[in-house]
Amino acid sequence: MVATGLGVSERTVWRWVAAAAATGVPVRKRFVITDEVRQRLAYWRGNVVAVHCELVDAAAAGGPAAPSLATLYRAVNRQLSPGDRAGLRKGEHAARAHDVFLQRPAAHRNEAWETDHVEAPVEVDVDGRLVKPWVTWFVDTATNVVLGTAVTAGAPSRESILAALRAAITIEEPYGPAGGLPQVIRIDRGKDFLSSTVAAACAVFAVWIVDLPGYTPHLKGSVETLNGAVKSMLFAGLPRYTQAPRLTNRRPADPDAPALRFEAFVEELLAWVRWWNEHAMDTLDGLSPRQAWEQDPTPLTTVPGGDLRLFTLEDDGRVRRIMTKGVQWRARHYVAPWMTGHTGVEVRVRWMPHHDHELEVFDARTGTYLGVAVLADQASPEQVKAVRRARQSRRDRLSTELRKAEKARRQRYAAVTTTEPARALGAMTRGEASAELIDAGDSTLRAVARPQLLPPGPPEPGWVLPRSAQRTAGGETTPPAADERGTATR
């Protein structure tokens, strides 16, 4: 009955009884993981064997008796949860894999959106360069429908967010039919998502931006699920997938695979987004995201396309005047055919972030939209490519110089098999050392030299001096010598 009540075998109970009879201790004490033991587990990254060795050494030095390794393992498994053990071994992210997260209650369409950037692990061809594009999108949490998508051939910015937001709100072709204004947009502390431009655009639409705590992807599970789905269901099947299995030498199986052009990648992505919105989901009771959206009776709040474009532009609030050279902005001039006859009119300009090739111009008094102004004297594509090649050449040259400097700075030491000081390797002759020190000294002197601080030295014999230099300290003029007079005359 004792064994059954304690959940152990009868043999264990008889062993306890025998130990109690031998020691006179009637109660068996179970080994407990103390705070000190937990600290040692954290120190040894969750290694139970290393902690047991420390306990044995402490017991040999006169400390408390150490438990057996099996007892320590049982105590760790009994008192520490799988999440705690994973956290001690690999950190907080590993511990989160064992957490339980709540699910938000069912909502209606446009009650909440979630947005995020995701880097495509695929190399695509952009003007002859291989880059990994970024995708910015908005997803409705109630129906899982992808509302707006923007692709950037490089690092995303607030311009990517505004473009995706405009596509998400618009219900006209080629966007829609899902769209309208949401009540809430959840983000995860992205600097570009929290920019004043995005905040101003959402404030105009009375959309509340919820800034979630950092490193909490479970609080925006809809868009994180979408990020994971596109990586495994689309990106993994594209050429030059950077996370593909590699060979023994860690090289890709096909390093010379042709890359997709950027426009082909965008086409593939948009086609996958359409498939996502049309395929049936178990979480939606067999409906597709688009069907769930269309069957939701919640009314939509829409924005006209023209107003939407204006609200997602930046404005510095300054009043400018149309001059004969056009409108000046950031030390550049922008012109347009409609400016003919409008010289002297006060205007305000708006622009899409990073789109510095054109401006939207408005009348400063009435706010009437006047038109688009383009950059005057814009460089040709060939000139832009030449400038980029020159910049790349400069970067390559600097990179080469830095690598050479690091190689020269590197110091190697001999391997040792016993305890002894480190011995530097690398022989150098006295002449090589002197030459390098002279070069270093010359470059240092050239960097700090100030020629104007040093007076000029005396002239060479036979030079003809100017009259101001021929005056003596007393103010008298010294007549030039005969040869000097002859030279001057000649």
Protein backbone atom coordinates (compact mmCIF):
# COMPACT_ATOMS: atom_id res chain seq x y z
CA MET A 1 0.00 0.00 0.00
CA VAL A 2 2.86 2.40 0.72
CA ALA A 3 4.43 1.74 -2.69
CA THR A 4 1.09 2.24 -4.44
CA GLY A 5 0.37 5.47 -2.59
CA LEU A 6 3.81 6.92 -3.37
CA GLY A 7 3.86 5.72 -6.96
CA VAL A 8 7.09 3.72 -6.60
CA SER A 9 8.00 0.05 -6.62
CA GLU A 10 7.94 -2.17 -3.51
CA ARG A 11 11.68 -2.68 -3.86
CA THR A 12 12.21 1.07 -3.49
CA VAL A 13 10.13 1.13 -0.30
CA TRP A 14 12.13 -1.77 1.20
CA ARG A 15 15.36 0.06 0.33
CA TRP A 16 14.09 3.15 2.13
CA VAL A 17 13.15 1.07 5.19
CA ALA A 18 16.59 -0.55 5.24
CA ALA A 19 18.32 2.82 5.00
CA ALA A 20 16.16 4.22 7.81
CA ALA A 21 16.97 1.24 10.04
CA ALA A 22 20.68 1.66 9.37
CA THR A 23 20.87 5.44 9.85
CA GLY A 24 18.05 5.99 12.29
CA VAL A 25 16.53 8.66 10.04
CA PRO A 26 12.85 7.80 9.54
CA VAL A 27 12.14 10.28 6.73
CA ARG A 28 13.88 10.10 3.34
CA LYS A 29 14.99 13.50 2.06
CA ARG A 30 14.66 14.10 -1.67
CA PHE A 31 17.38 16.07 -3.42
CA VAL A 32 16.13 19.53 -4.35
CA ILE A 33 17.52 21.92 -6.95
CA THR A 34 18.51 25.05 -5.03
CA ASP A 35 19.11 28.52 -6.41
CA GLU A 36 22.84 27.90 -6.27
CA VAL A 37 22.50 24.74 -8.35
CA ARG A 38 20.34 26.63 -10.85
CA GLN A 39 23.05 29.28 -11.15
CA ARG A 40 25.65 26.62 -11.82
CA LEU A 41 23.37 25.07 -14.45
CA ALA A 42 23.11 28.47 -16.11
CA TYR A 43 26.90 28.89 -15.88
CA TRP A 44 27.49 25.53 -17.58
CA ARG A 45 24.78 26.16 -20.23
CA GLY A 46 22.51 23.45 -18.83
CA ASN A 47 25.24 20.78 -18.66
CA VAL A 48 24.15 18.50 -15.78
CA VAL A 49 27.35 16.43 -15.86
CA ALA A 50 29.53 19.51 -15.32
CA VAL A 51 27.40 20.61 -12.36
CA HIS A 52 27.60 17.10 -10.87
CA CYS A 53 31.42 17.24 -11.11
CA GLU A 54 31.38 20.52 -9.17
CA LEU A 55 29.12 19.01 -6.48
CA VAL A 56 31.43 16.00 -6.15
CA ASP A 57 34.50 18.26 -5.82
CA ALA A 58 32.71 20.35 -3.18
CA ALA A 59 31.79 17.23 -1.22
CA ALA A 60 35.41 16.03 -1.36
CA ALA A 61 36.51 19.40 0.05
CA GLY A 62 34.28 18.97 3.09
CA GLY A 63 30.99 20.26 1.76
CA PRO A 64 27.59 18.54 1.78
CA ALA A 65 27.23 15.11 0.28
CA ALA A 66 26.79 15.12 -3.48
CA PRO A 67 23.89 13.24 -5.08
CA SER A 68 24.45 10.65 -7.73
CA LEU A 69 24.35 11.70 -11.37
CA ALA A 70 21.05 9.88 -11.89
CA THR A 71 19.54 11.63 -8.84
CA LEU A 72 20.67 15.01 -10.17
CA TYR A 73 19.17 14.25 -13.58
CA ARG A 74 15.87 13.26 -11.97
CA ALA A 75 15.81 16.43 -9.86
CA VAL A 76 16.52 18.62 -12.92
CA ASN A 77 13.79 16.93 -14.96
CA ARG A 78 11.38 17.10 -12.03
CA GLN A 79 11.88 20.73 -11.02
CA LEU A 80 12.77 22.41 -14.31
CA SER A 81 10.29 22.55 -17.14
CA PRO A 82 11.34 21.68 -20.71
CA GLY A 83 11.26 25.39 -21.50
CA ASP A 84 13.60 26.18 -18.59
CA ARG A 85 16.03 23.48 -19.66
CA ALA A 86 15.99 24.68 -23.27
CA GLY A 87 16.51 28.27 -22.11
CA LEU A 88 19.53 27.29 -20.03
CA ARG A 89 21.03 25.52 -23.03
CA LYS A 90 20.25 27.89 -25.91
CA GLY A 91 18.62 31.03 -24.55
CA GLU A 92 15.23 32.69 -24.46
CA HIS A 93 14.28 31.98 -28.07
CA ALA A 94 14.66 28.25 -27.47
CA ALA A 95 12.58 28.54 -24.30
CA ARG A 96 9.75 30.24 -26.20
CA ALA A 97 9.32 27.14 -28.33
CA HIS A 98 7.80 25.46 -25.25
CA ASP A 99 5.45 28.32 -24.36
CA VAL A 100 1.68 28.36 -24.80
CA PHE A 101 0.11 31.41 -26.45
CA LEU A 102 -3.47 32.56 -26.34
CA GLN A 103 -5.54 33.07 -29.44
CA ARG A 104 -7.36 36.30 -30.06
CA PRO A 105 -11.16 36.00 -30.29
CA ALA A 106 -12.81 36.02 -33.68
CA ALA A 107 -13.11 39.48 -35.23
CA HIS A 108 -14.62 41.10 -38.29
CA ARG A 109 -12.83 42.29 -41.39
CA ASN A 110 -10.78 45.49 -41.14
CA GLU A 111 -10.89 45.37 -37.35
CA ALA A 112 -7.14 44.85 -37.22
CA TRP A 113 -4.33 44.59 -39.75
CA GLU A 114 -0.79 43.35 -39.25
CA THR A 115 2.21 44.40 -41.30
CA ASP A 116 5.84 43.42 -41.55
CA HIS A 117 8.93 43.33 -43.77
CA VAL A 118 10.34 39.97 -44.87
CA GLU A 119 13.60 39.47 -46.75
CA ALA A 120 13.31 36.98 -49.59
CA PRO A 121 16.17 34.45 -49.31
CA VAL A 122 16.48 34.50 -53.10
CA GLU A 123 19.07 36.27 -55.22
CA VAL A 124 17.53 38.16 -58.14
CA ASP A 125 19.11 40.12 -60.98
CA VAL A 126 18.82 43.91 -60.71
CA ASP A 127 20.82 45.71 -63.41
CA GLY A 128 23.43 42.98 -63.45
CA ARG A 129 23.76 42.78 -59.65
CA LEU A 130 22.51 39.99 -57.42
CA VAL A 131 20.39 41.31 -54.56
CA LYS A 132 17.87 39.86 -52.14
CA PRO A 133 14.58 41.77 -52.38
CA TRP A 134 12.34 42.70 -49.46
CA VAL A 135 8.57 42.26 -49.31
CA THR A 136 6.26 44.56 -47.33
CA TRP A 137 2.63 43.55 -46.92
CA PHE A 138 -0.53 44.06 -44.91
CA VAL A 139 -2.79 41.16 -43.88
CA ASP A 140 -6.25 41.21 -42.31
CA THR A 141 -6.26 39.21 -39.06
CA ALA A 142 -9.91 38.14 -39.30
CA THR A 143 -9.83 36.68 -42.81
CA ASN A 144 -6.08 36.18 -43.48
CA VAL A 145 -6.45 37.99 -46.79
CA VAL A 146 -3.35 39.79 -48.08
CA LEU A 147 -4.50 43.33 -48.79
CA GLY A 148 -1.44 45.14 -50.15
CA THR A 149 2.05 44.10 -51.20
CA ALA A 150 5.15 46.12 -52.11
CA VAL A 151 8.49 44.69 -53.26
CA THR A 152 11.77 46.58 -52.91
CA ALA A 153 15.04 45.66 -54.64
CA GLY A 154 17.01 46.40 -51.50
CA ALA A 155 16.42 47.50 -47.94
CA PRO A 156 12.82 48.65 -47.34
CA SER A 157 11.87 52.08 -46.05
CA ARG A 158 8.83 54.19 -45.26
CA GLU A 159 8.29 54.47 -49.04
CA SER A 160 7.72 50.70 -49.17
CA ILE A 161 5.22 50.96 -46.31
CA LEU A 162 3.30 53.80 -47.94
CA ALA A 163 3.15 51.97 -51.27
CA ALA A 164 1.86 48.78 -49.62
CA LEU A 165 -0.57 50.78 -47.46
CA ARG A 166 -1.94 52.56 -50.51
CA ALA A 167 -2.43 49.22 -52.29
CA ALA A 168 -4.10 47.76 -49.18
CA ILE A 169 -6.62 50.58 -48.76
CA THR A 170 -7.49 50.89 -52.45
CA ILE A 171 -10.37 48.69 -53.64
CA GLU A 172 -10.11 49.74 -57.29
CA GLU A 173 -8.30 47.77 -60.00
CA PRO A 174 -5.62 46.47 -60.14
CA TYR A 175 -6.06 46.13 -56.36
CA GLY A 176 -9.08 45.01 -54.37
CA PRO A 177 -11.72 43.88 -53.87
CA ALA A 178 -10.41 43.61 -50.32
CA GLY A 179 -9.46 46.98 -48.87
CA GLY A 180 -10.78 50.00 -47.03
CA LEU A 181 -9.62 51.58 -43.80
CA PRO A 182 -8.75 49.42 -40.77
CA GLN A 183 -9.32 50.32 -37.15
CA VAL A 184 -5.93 49.13 -35.91
CA ILE A 185 -2.58 48.32 -37.51
CA ARG A 186 -0.16 46.21 -35.44
CA ILE A 187 3.57 46.65 -35.94
CA ASP A 188 6.64 45.48 -34.03
CA ARG A 189 8.65 48.62 -33.28
CA GLY A 190 10.14 48.98 -36.77
CA LYS A 191 11.78 52.40 -37.13
CA ASP A 192 10.34 52.96 -40.60
CA PHE A 193 6.87 51.86 -39.46
CA LEU A 194 7.07 54.42 -36.65
CA SER A 195 8.25 57.26 -38.90
CA SER A 196 6.42 60.57 -38.86
CA THR A 197 5.34 60.09 -42.47
CA VAL A 198 3.54 56.82 -41.79
CA ALA A 199 2.11 58.18 -38.53
CA ALA A 200 0.78 61.29 -40.30
CA ALA A 201 -0.84 59.24 -43.07
CA CYS A 202 -2.55 56.93 -40.58
CA ALA A 203 -3.58 59.89 -38.40
CA VAL A 204 -5.36 61.46 -41.36
CA PHE A 205 -7.31 58.23 -41.79
CA ALA A 206 -7.95 57.95 -38.01
CA VAL A 207 -6.15 54.59 -37.95
CA TRP A 208 -4.64 53.57 -34.62
CA ILE A 209 -1.09 52.19 -34.79
CA VAL A 210 -0.35 49.61 -32.07
CA ASP A 211 3.36 49.45 -31.30
CA LEU A 212 3.95 45.92 -30.01
CA PRO A 213 6.87 45.10 -27.70
CA GLY A 214 10.09 44.07 -29.36
CA TYR A 215 10.83 40.43 -30.10
CA THR A 216 7.24 39.29 -29.66
CA PRO A 217 6.29 37.72 -33.00
CA HIS A 218 3.45 35.77 -31.36
CA LEU A 219 1.56 39.05 -30.88
CA LYS A 220 1.20 39.40 -34.66
CA GLY A 221 0.78 35.79 -35.60
CA SER A 222 -1.16 36.36 -38.83
CA VAL A 223 1.64 38.14 -40.67
CA GLU A 224 4.31 35.88 -39.14
CA THR A 225 2.39 32.86 -40.43
CA LEU A 226 2.32 34.51 -43.85
CA ASN A 227 6.08 35.14 -43.69
CA GLY A 228 6.77 31.52 -42.88
CA ALA A 229 4.38 30.26 -45.57
CA VAL A 230 5.92 32.29 -48.38
CA LYS A 231 9.42 31.12 -47.46
CA SER A 232 8.55 27.43 -47.56
CA MET A 233 5.90 27.49 -50.32
CA LEU A 234 7.38 29.98 -52.81
CA PHE A 235 10.93 31.09 -52.11
CA ALA A 236 12.21 27.54 -51.54
CA GLY A 237 11.26 26.62 -55.13
CA LEU A 238 12.89 29.60 -56.86
CA PRO A 239 16.39 29.54 -58.38
CA ARG A 240 19.30 30.80 -56.28
CA TYR A 241 17.52 30.08 -53.02
CA THR A 242 20.13 31.01 -50.41
CA GLN A 243 18.87 28.62 -47.70
CA ALA A 244 18.98 25.50 -49.89
CA PRO A 245 20.87 22.43 -48.61
CA ARG A 246 24.59 22.70 -49.31
CA LEU A 247 27.36 20.26 -50.18
CA THR A 248 29.99 18.92 -47.81
CA ASN A 249 32.20 21.97 -48.37
CA ARG A 250 29.20 24.23 -47.57
CA ARG A 251 28.96 25.43 -51.15
CA PRO A 252 25.65 25.53 -53.04
CA ALA A 253 24.89 22.57 -55.27
CA ASP A 254 24.50 24.84 -58.32
CA PRO A 255 26.42 28.10 -57.76
CA ASP A 256 26.03 29.13 -61.43
CA ALA A 257 22.25 28.85 -61.54
CA PRO A 258 20.70 31.74 -63.51
CA ALA A 259 18.93 34.30 -61.36
CA LEU A 260 15.44 35.59 -61.93
CA ARG A 261 15.13 39.15 -63.09
CA PHE A 262 13.51 41.46 -60.57
CA GLU A 263 10.31 41.88 -62.58
CA ALA A 264 9.99 38.08 -62.94
CA PHE A 265 10.37 37.69 -59.18
CA VAL A 266 7.65 40.31 -58.57
CA GLU A 267 5.36 38.47 -60.99
CA GLU A 268 5.95 35.16 -59.18
CA LEU A 269 5.28 36.78 -55.80
CA LEU A 270 2.07 38.50 -56.85
CA ALA A 271 0.83 35.25 -58.41
CA TRP A 272 1.49 33.47 -55.11
CA VAL A 273 -0.39 36.20 -53.22
CA ARG A 274 -3.39 35.66 -55.50
CA TRP A 275 -3.19 31.92 -54.83
CA TRP A 276 -2.99 32.57 -51.09
CA ASN A 277 -6.15 34.67 -51.18
CA GLU A 278 -8.00 32.00 -53.19
CA HIS A 279 -6.99 28.73 -51.48
CA ALA A 280 -9.19 27.12 -48.79
CA MET A 281 -8.06 27.20 -45.16
CA ASP A 282 -9.16 24.96 -42.29
CA THR A 283 -8.97 27.90 -39.90
CA LEU A 284 -11.66 29.61 -42.00
CA ASP A 285 -13.97 26.54 -42.02
CA GLY A 286 -12.94 25.58 -45.53
CA LEU A 287 -13.31 29.05 -47.00
CA SER A 288 -10.61 30.94 -48.81
CA PRO A 289 -9.47 34.32 -47.41
CA ARG A 290 -11.26 36.13 -50.22
CA GLN A 291 -14.48 34.20 -49.63
CA ALA A 292 -14.29 34.92 -45.91
CA TRP A 293 -13.80 38.59 -46.72
CA GLU A 294 -16.73 38.75 -49.14
CA GLN A 295 -19.09 36.90 -46.76
CA ASP A 296 -18.32 39.29 -43.89
CA PRO A 297 -21.18 41.85 -43.71
CA THR A 298 -19.09 44.51 -41.95
CA PRO A 299 -19.34 47.79 -43.93
CA LEU A 300 -16.18 49.24 -45.45
CA THR A 301 -14.76 52.73 -45.07
CA THR A 302 -13.13 53.65 -48.38
CA VAL A 303 -10.96 56.54 -49.58
CA PRO A 304 -10.96 57.99 -53.13
CA GLY A 305 -7.82 57.15 -55.07
CA GLY A 306 -6.80 60.78 -55.60
CA ASP A 307 -7.10 61.65 -51.92
CA LEU A 308 -5.23 58.50 -50.97
CA ARG A 309 -2.27 59.47 -53.12
CA LEU A 310 -2.04 62.92 -51.55
CA PHE A 311 -2.31 61.69 -47.97
CA THR A 312 0.63 59.30 -48.39
CA LEU A 313 3.04 62.03 -49.51
CA GLU A 314 5.53 63.93 -47.38
CA ASP A 315 5.25 67.69 -46.89
CA ASP A 316 7.77 69.96 -45.15
CA GLY A 317 5.19 72.77 -44.76
CA ARG A 318 7.30 75.40 -46.55
CA VAL A 319 5.87 77.84 -49.07
CA ARG A 320 7.86 78.17 -52.29
CA ARG A 321 7.56 80.35 -55.35
CA ILE A 322 7.63 79.31 -58.98
CA MET A 323 10.64 81.02 -60.55
CA THR A 324 11.88 81.15 -64.11
CA LYS A 325 13.88 77.98 -63.42
CA GLY A 326 10.90 76.21 -61.85
CA VAL A 327 10.41 75.19 -58.21
CA GLN A 328 13.50 74.75 -56.06
CA TRP A 329 13.62 71.86 -53.59
CA ARG A 330 16.74 70.53 -51.88
CA ALA A 331 19.02 72.68 -54.09
CA ARG A 332 17.41 71.25 -57.23
CA HIS A 333 15.02 72.72 -59.75
CA TYR A 334 11.83 71.00 -60.90
CA VAL A 335 9.92 72.10 -64.01
CA ALA A 336 6.73 71.15 -65.83
CA PRO A 337 4.88 72.41 -68.95
CA TRP A 338 1.95 73.64 -66.87
CA MET A 339 4.25 76.14 -65.10
CA THR A 340 4.23 78.39 -68.18
CA GLY A 341 2.60 81.64 -67.15
CA HIS A 342 2.66 80.76 -63.43
CA THR A 343 5.93 82.50 -62.50
CA GLY A 344 5.65 84.10 -59.08
CA VAL A 345 2.83 81.84 -57.82
CA GLU A 346 3.35 80.59 -54.26
CA VAL A 347 3.12 76.82 -54.02
CA ARG A 348 3.72 73.92 -51.68
CA VAL A 349 5.29 70.64 -52.74
CA ARG A 350 4.77 67.06 -51.64
CA TRP A 351 6.74 63.97 -52.53
CA MET A 352 6.92 60.25 -52.07
CA PRO A 353 9.90 59.28 -49.88
CA HIS A 354 13.04 58.61 -51.93
CA HIS A 355 11.23 59.48 -55.18
CA ASP A 356 13.28 62.63 -55.75
CA HIS A 357 12.77 62.63 -59.53
CA GLU A 358 9.34 64.28 -59.31
CA LEU A 359 7.18 66.43 -57.03
CA GLU A 360 3.47 67.02 -56.56
CA VAL A 361 2.80 70.78 -56.59
CA PHE A 362 -0.16 72.53 -54.89
CA ASP A 363 -1.31 76.11 -54.69
CA ALA A 364 -0.20 77.53 -51.32
CA ARG A 365 -3.36 79.64 -50.81
CA THR A 366 -6.16 77.35 -51.97
CA GLY A 367 -4.50 73.93 -51.76
CA THR A 368 -5.52 73.20 -55.37
CA TYR A 369 -3.50 70.48 -57.04
CA LEU A 370 -1.48 72.02 -59.89
CA GLY A 371 0.40 69.07 -61.31
CA VAL A 372 3.61 67.08 -61.36
CA ALA A 373 7.03 68.68 -61.69
CA VAL A 374 10.03 66.65 -62.81
CA LEU A 375 13.70 67.18 -62.10
CA ALA A 376 15.37 69.57 -64.54
CA ASP A 377 18.68 68.57 -66.10
CA GLN A 378 18.28 64.99 -64.95
CA ALA A 379 21.26 62.77 -65.71
CA SER A 380 20.89 60.13 -68.39
CA PRO A 381 20.79 56.43 -67.45
CA GLU A 382 24.28 56.02 -68.94
CA GLN A 383 25.64 58.81 -66.73
CA VAL A 384 24.01 57.33 -63.66
CA LYS A 385 25.54 53.93 -64.44
CA ALA A 386 28.96 55.54 -64.95
CA VAL A 387 28.70 57.29 -61.58
CA ARG A 388 27.69 54.05 -59.90
CA ARG A 389 30.62 52.23 -61.51
CA ALA A 390 32.98 54.93 -60.26
CA ARG A 391 31.54 54.64 -56.76
CA GLN A 392 31.87 50.86 -56.86
CA SER A 393 35.46 51.16 -58.05
CA ARG A 394 36.23 53.50 -55.17
CA ARG A 395 34.62 51.12 -52.69
CA ASP A 396 36.55 48.17 -54.16
CA ARG A 397 39.82 50.08 -53.96
CA LEU A 398 39.17 51.04 -50.36
CA SER A 399 38.19 47.46 -49.51
CA THR A 400 41.43 46.18 -51.05
CA GLU A 401 43.48 48.69 -49.06
CA LEU A 402 41.70 47.76 -45.85
CA ARG A 403 42.30 44.06 -46.45
CA LYS A 404 45.98 44.69 -47.07
CA ALA A 405 46.20 46.76 -43.91
CA GLU A 406 44.52 44.03 -41.88
CA LYS A 407 46.86 41.43 -43.36
CA ALA A 408 49.87 43.56 -42.46
CA ARG A 409 48.49 44.09 -38.96
CA ARG A 410 47.90 40.38 -38.38
CA GLN A 411 50.30 38.81 -35.92
CA ARG A 412 50.85 35.06 -35.73
CA TYR A 413 52.19 33.22 -32.70
CA ALA A 414 53.89 29.90 -32.30
CA ALA A 415 51.95 26.94 -30.94
CA VAL A 416 52.94 25.80 -27.43
CA THR A 417 52.58 22.49 -25.65
CA THR A 418 53.59 23.72 -22.19
CA THR A 419 52.90 26.84 -20.15
CA GLU A 420 55.11 29.53 -21.64
CA PRO A 421 54.76 33.10 -22.98
CA ALA A 422 53.45 33.60 -26.50
CA ARG A 423 56.23 33.92 -29.10
CA ALA A 424 55.54 36.11 -32.14
CA LEU A 425 56.26 34.72 -35.60
CA GLY A 426 57.22 36.53 -38.78
CA ALA A 427 60.79 37.48 -39.66
CA MET A 428 61.71 40.94 -40.99
CA THR A 429 65.07 42.34 -42.02
CA ARG A 430 66.39 45.58 -40.57
CA GLY A 431 66.20 47.21 -43.97
CA GLU A 432 62.52 46.26 -44.39
CA ALA A 433 61.69 47.58 -40.94
CA SER A 434 63.57 50.85 -41.56
CA ALA A 435 61.89 51.37 -44.95
CA GLU A 436 58.42 50.82 -43.52
CA LEU A 437 59.09 53.14 -40.58
CA ILE A 438 60.40 55.84 -42.95
CA ASP A 439 57.27 55.53 -45.09
CA ALA A 440 55.07 55.72 -42.01
CA GLY A 441 56.98 58.76 -40.75
CA ASP A 442 56.71 60.53 -44.10
CA SER A 443 52.97 59.96 -44.29
CA THR A 444 52.57 61.21 -40.72
CA LEU A 445 54.58 64.35 -41.42
CA ARG A 446 52.65 65.02 -44.62
CA ALA A 447 49.39 64.74 -42.68
CA VAL A 448 50.40 67.34 -40.07
CA ALA A 449 52.58 69.58 -42.25
CA ARG A 450 51.72 73.28 -42.37
CA PRO A 451 54.00 74.90 -45.02
CA GLN A 452 52.76 78.42 -44.33
CA LEU A 453 54.14 78.25 -40.77
CA LEU A 454 57.77 77.86 -41.92
CA PRO A 455 59.66 81.00 -43.15
CA PRO A 456 61.38 80.69 -46.54
CA GLY A 457 65.10 80.03 -46.56
CA PRO A 458 67.79 82.37 -47.93
CA PRO A 459 67.91 82.74 -51.74
CA GLU A 460 70.57 81.08 -53.83
CA PRO A 461 73.64 83.21 -54.78
CA GLY A 462 73.15 85.21 -57.96
CA TRP A 463 69.35 85.48 -57.66
CA VAL A 464 67.84 88.93 -58.30
CA LEU A 465 65.93 90.00 -55.23
CA PRO A 466 62.88 92.32 -55.25
CA ARG A 467 63.43 95.85 -53.98
CA SER A 468 61.50 95.18 -50.74
CA ALA A 469 63.93 92.40 -49.89
CA GLN A 470 66.94 94.60 -50.57
CA ARG A 471 66.11 97.08 -47.80
CA THR A 472 68.24 96.87 -44.69
CA ALA A 473 66.98 96.72 -41.15
CA GLY A 474 67.41 100.51 -40.84
CA GLY A 475 65.20 101.21 -43.81
CA GLU A 476 68.05 102.02 -46.25
CA THR A 477 68.22 100.49 -49.69
CA THR A 478 71.27 98.47 -50.61
CA PRO A 479 72.30 98.98 -54.25
CA PRO A 480 72.55 95.73 -56.18
CA ALA A 481 75.91 94.41 -57.23
CA ALA A 482 77.26 94.93 -60.71
CA ASP A 483 76.40 91.45 -61.91
CA GLU A 484 72.94 91.81 -60.35
CA ARG A 485 72.39 95.17 -62.13
CA GLY A 486 73.47 93.63 -65.37
CA THR A 487 71.20 90.66 -64.88
CA ALA A 488 68.29 92.95 -64.01
CA THR A 489 68.94 95.05 -67.08
CA ARG A 490 69.06 92.05 -69.29
